[in-house]
Amino acid sequence: MNTQESEKGSTIYSTVGGIMTDEVGTVTGNLEIVTRVAAERLDASVRYAGADEWYTITGSPVSLGAANYYTPADLHERVVSYLTKPGPVVDGNEEPVSLEGISLT
């Protein structure tokens, strides 16, 4: 993989549980996700669509490890797919998703 930083973005609609961030807790609704790949790691941020402030997705940065041969676009799509699947249901409520425990391989 090219070692230069590469940024990819997508607009999604979150599941009911939303996405957990380090700064403000859970965000839900129409969201933008950006991933940046550089130096053997992937950084992921989220914001409300059209807003100015970005938040770190809990679990970011993610070490690429054996996934360092994927393109930045492939890694981005894996992250988006992971974050748009519903979180676990606890006491009848969907929990937010994060990047903790994600495997990019």
C-alpha atoms as a PDB file:
ATOM      1  CA  MET A   1       0.000   0.000   0.000  1.00  0.00           C
ATOM      2  CA  ASN A   2       1.105   3.560  -0.645  1.00  0.00           C
ATOM      3  CA  THR A   3       2.389   5.027   2.613  1.00  0.00           C
ATOM      4  CA  GLN A   4       1.057   8.515   1.849  1.00  0.00           C
ATOM      5  CA  GLU A   5      -1.989   9.612   3.819  1.00  0.00           C
ATOM      6  CA  SER A   6      -5.226   8.944   2.001  1.00  0.00           C
ATOM      7  CA  GLU A   7      -8.665  10.243   2.994  1.00  0.00           C
ATOM      8  CA  LYS A   8     -12.053   8.804   2.007  1.00  0.00           C
ATOM      9  CA  GLY A   9     -15.534   9.924   3.026  1.00  0.00           C
ATOM     10  CA  SER A  10     -19.157   8.757   2.975  1.00  0.00           C
ATOM     11  CA  THR A  11     -22.534  10.010   4.110  1.00  0.00           C
ATOM     12  CA  ILE A  12     -24.638   7.440   5.967  1.00  0.00           C
ATOM     13  CA  TYR A  13     -27.759   7.239   8.073  1.00  0.00           C
ATOM     14  CA  SER A  14     -26.969   5.593  11.399  1.00  0.00           C
ATOM     15  CA  THR A  15     -28.845   2.701  12.909  1.00  0.00           C
ATOM     16  CA  VAL A  16     -31.017   3.452  15.963  1.00  0.00           C
ATOM     17  CA  GLY A  17     -28.092   2.903  18.355  1.00  0.00           C
ATOM     18  CA  GLY A  18     -25.822   5.351  16.546  1.00  0.00           C
ATOM     19  CA  ILE A  19     -22.034   5.636  16.585  1.00  0.00           C
ATOM     20  CA  MET A  20     -20.013   6.153  19.786  1.00  0.00           C
ATOM     21  CA  THR A  21     -17.511   9.022  19.816  1.00  0.00           C
ATOM     22  CA  ASP A  22     -14.771   9.943  22.278  1.00  0.00           C
ATOM     23  CA  GLU A  23     -15.844  13.569  22.626  1.00  0.00           C
ATOM     24  CA  VAL A  24     -19.663  13.650  22.805  1.00  0.00           C
ATOM     25  CA  GLY A  25     -20.842  10.068  23.242  1.00  0.00           C
ATOM     26  CA  THR A  26     -23.368   8.725  20.754  1.00  0.00           C
ATOM     27  CA  VAL A  27     -24.269  10.493  17.501  1.00  0.00           C
ATOM     28  CA  THR A  28     -27.248   9.396  15.413  1.00  0.00           C
ATOM     29  CA  GLY A  29     -28.999  10.358  12.195  1.00  0.00           C
ATOM     30  CA  ASN A  30     -27.559  11.652   8.941  1.00  0.00           C
ATOM     31  CA  LEU A  31     -23.787  11.439   9.429  1.00  0.00           C
ATOM     32  CA  GLU A  32     -20.558  11.832   7.495  1.00  0.00           C
ATOM     33  CA  ILE A  33     -17.702   9.389   8.098  1.00  0.00           C
ATOM     34  CA  VAL A  34     -14.119  10.109   7.069  1.00  0.00           C
ATOM     35  CA  THR A  35     -11.230   7.668   7.230  1.00  0.00           C
ATOM     36  CA  ARG A  36      -7.567   8.548   6.858  1.00  0.00           C
ATOM     37  CA  VAL A  37      -4.926   5.907   6.218  1.00  0.00           C
ATOM     38  CA  ALA A  38      -1.335   6.731   7.109  1.00  0.00           C
ATOM     39  CA  ALA A  39       1.652   5.134   8.805  1.00  0.00           C
ATOM     40  CA  GLU A  40       0.141   1.656   9.299  1.00  0.00           C
ATOM     41  CA  ARG A  41      -3.039   2.957  10.933  1.00  0.00           C
ATOM     42  CA  LEU A  42      -6.534   4.091  10.070  1.00  0.00           C
ATOM     43  CA  ASP A  43      -8.076   7.124  11.759  1.00  0.00           C
ATOM     44  CA  ALA A  44     -11.876   7.516  11.616  1.00  0.00           C
ATOM     45  CA  SER A  45     -14.020  10.563  12.371  1.00  0.00           C
ATOM     46  CA  VAL A  46     -17.727  11.326  12.211  1.00  0.00           C
ATOM     47  CA  ARG A  47     -19.851  14.477  12.153  1.00  0.00           C
ATOM     48  CA  TYR A  48     -23.463  15.381  11.620  1.00  0.00           C
ATOM     49  CA  ALA A  49     -23.917  15.871   7.869  1.00  0.00           C
ATOM     50  CA  GLY A  50     -23.003  19.443   6.952  1.00  0.00           C
ATOM     51  CA  ALA A  51     -21.727  20.358  10.438  1.00  0.00           C
ATOM     52  CA  ASP A  52     -18.307  21.855  11.108  1.00  0.00           C
ATOM     53  CA  GLU A  53     -17.120  19.794  14.074  1.00  0.00           C
ATOM     54  CA  TRP A  54     -15.645  16.306  13.638  1.00  0.00           C
ATOM     55  CA  TYR A  55     -15.571  13.685  16.418  1.00  0.00           C
ATOM     56  CA  THR A  56     -13.215  10.736  16.860  1.00  0.00           C
ATOM     57  CA  ILE A  57     -15.028   7.410  16.515  1.00  0.00           C
ATOM     58  CA  THR A  58     -14.353   5.386  19.656  1.00  0.00           C
ATOM     59  CA  GLY A  59     -11.704   2.758  18.893  1.00  0.00           C
ATOM     60  CA  SER A  60      -9.867   4.975  16.399  1.00  0.00           C
ATOM     61  CA  PRO A  61      -7.070   4.800  15.406  1.00  0.00           C
ATOM     62  CA  VAL A  62      -7.097   1.201  14.234  1.00  0.00           C
ATOM     63  CA  SER A  63      -3.822  -0.578  13.546  1.00  0.00           C
ATOM     64  CA  LEU A  64      -3.753  -1.942  10.010  1.00  0.00           C
ATOM     65  CA  GLY A  65      -1.602  -4.940  10.913  1.00  0.00           C
ATOM     66  CA  ALA A  66      -2.088  -7.550   8.174  1.00  0.00           C
ATOM     67  CA  ALA A  67      -4.637  -5.317   6.416  1.00  0.00           C
ATOM     68  CA  ASN A  68      -1.964  -2.895   5.198  1.00  0.00           C
ATOM     69  CA  TYR A  69      -2.198  -4.303   1.663  1.00  0.00           C
ATOM     70  CA  TYR A  70      -5.824  -3.142   1.189  1.00  0.00           C
ATOM     71  CA  THR A  71      -6.429   0.128  -0.631  1.00  0.00           C
ATOM     72  CA  PRO A  72      -7.661   3.108   1.409  1.00  0.00           C
ATOM     73  CA  ALA A  73     -10.996   2.839  -0.447  1.00  0.00           C
ATOM     74  CA  ASP A  74     -11.378  -0.837   0.549  1.00  0.00           C
ATOM     75  CA  LEU A  75     -10.533  -0.061   4.179  1.00  0.00           C
ATOM     76  CA  HIS A  76     -13.025   2.814   4.194  1.00  0.00           C
ATOM     77  CA  GLU A  77     -15.784   0.577   2.865  1.00  0.00           C
ATOM     78  CA  ARG A  78     -15.041  -2.016   5.558  1.00  0.00           C
ATOM     79  CA  VAL A  79     -15.317   0.656   8.259  1.00  0.00           C
ATOM     80  CA  VAL A  80     -18.575   2.038   6.834  1.00  0.00           C
ATOM     81  CA  SER A  81     -20.038  -1.469   6.588  1.00  0.00           C
ATOM     82  CA  TYR A  82     -19.057  -2.186  10.191  1.00  0.00           C
ATOM     83  CA  LEU A  83     -20.536   1.075  11.496  1.00  0.00           C
ATOM     84  CA  THR A  84     -23.845   0.684   9.662  1.00  0.00           C
ATOM     85  CA  LYS A  85     -24.677  -2.704  11.182  1.00  0.00           C
ATOM     86  CA  PRO A  86     -26.900  -2.523  14.272  1.00  0.00           C
ATOM     87  CA  GLY A  87     -25.198  -2.753  17.633  1.00  0.00           C
ATOM     88  CA  PRO A  88     -26.089  -5.376  20.232  1.00  0.00           C
ATOM     89  CA  VAL A  89     -29.497  -5.138  21.886  1.00  0.00           C
ATOM     90  CA  VAL A  90     -29.354  -4.752  25.661  1.00  0.00           C
ATOM     91  CA  ASP A  91     -32.572  -4.600  27.693  1.00  0.00           C
ATOM     92  CA  GLY A  92     -34.526  -3.953  24.490  1.00  0.00           C
ATOM     93  CA  ASN A  93     -32.333  -1.049  23.340  1.00  0.00           C
ATOM     94  CA  GLU A  94     -29.784  -1.063  20.539  1.00  0.00           C
ATOM     95  CA  GLU A  95     -26.327  -0.085  21.768  1.00  0.00           C
ATOM     96  CA  PRO A  96     -24.102   2.254  19.726  1.00  0.00           C
ATOM     97  CA  VAL A  97     -21.357   0.821  17.531  1.00  0.00           C
ATOM     98  CA  SER A  98     -17.689   1.797  17.631  1.00  0.00           C
ATOM     99  CA  LEU A  99     -14.430   0.604  16.112  1.00  0.00           C
ATOM    100  CA  GLU A 100     -13.356  -1.227  19.258  1.00  0.00           C
ATOM    101  CA  GLY A 101     -12.650  -4.802  18.271  1.00  0.00           C
ATOM    102  CA  ILE A 102     -12.952  -4.262  14.495  1.00  0.00           C
ATOM    103  CA  SER A 103     -10.857  -6.562  12.308  1.00  0.00           C
ATOM    104  CA  LEU A 104      -9.977  -5.020   8.951  1.00  0.00           C
ATOM    105  CA  THR A 105      -8.621  -8.265   7.494  1.00  0.00           C
END
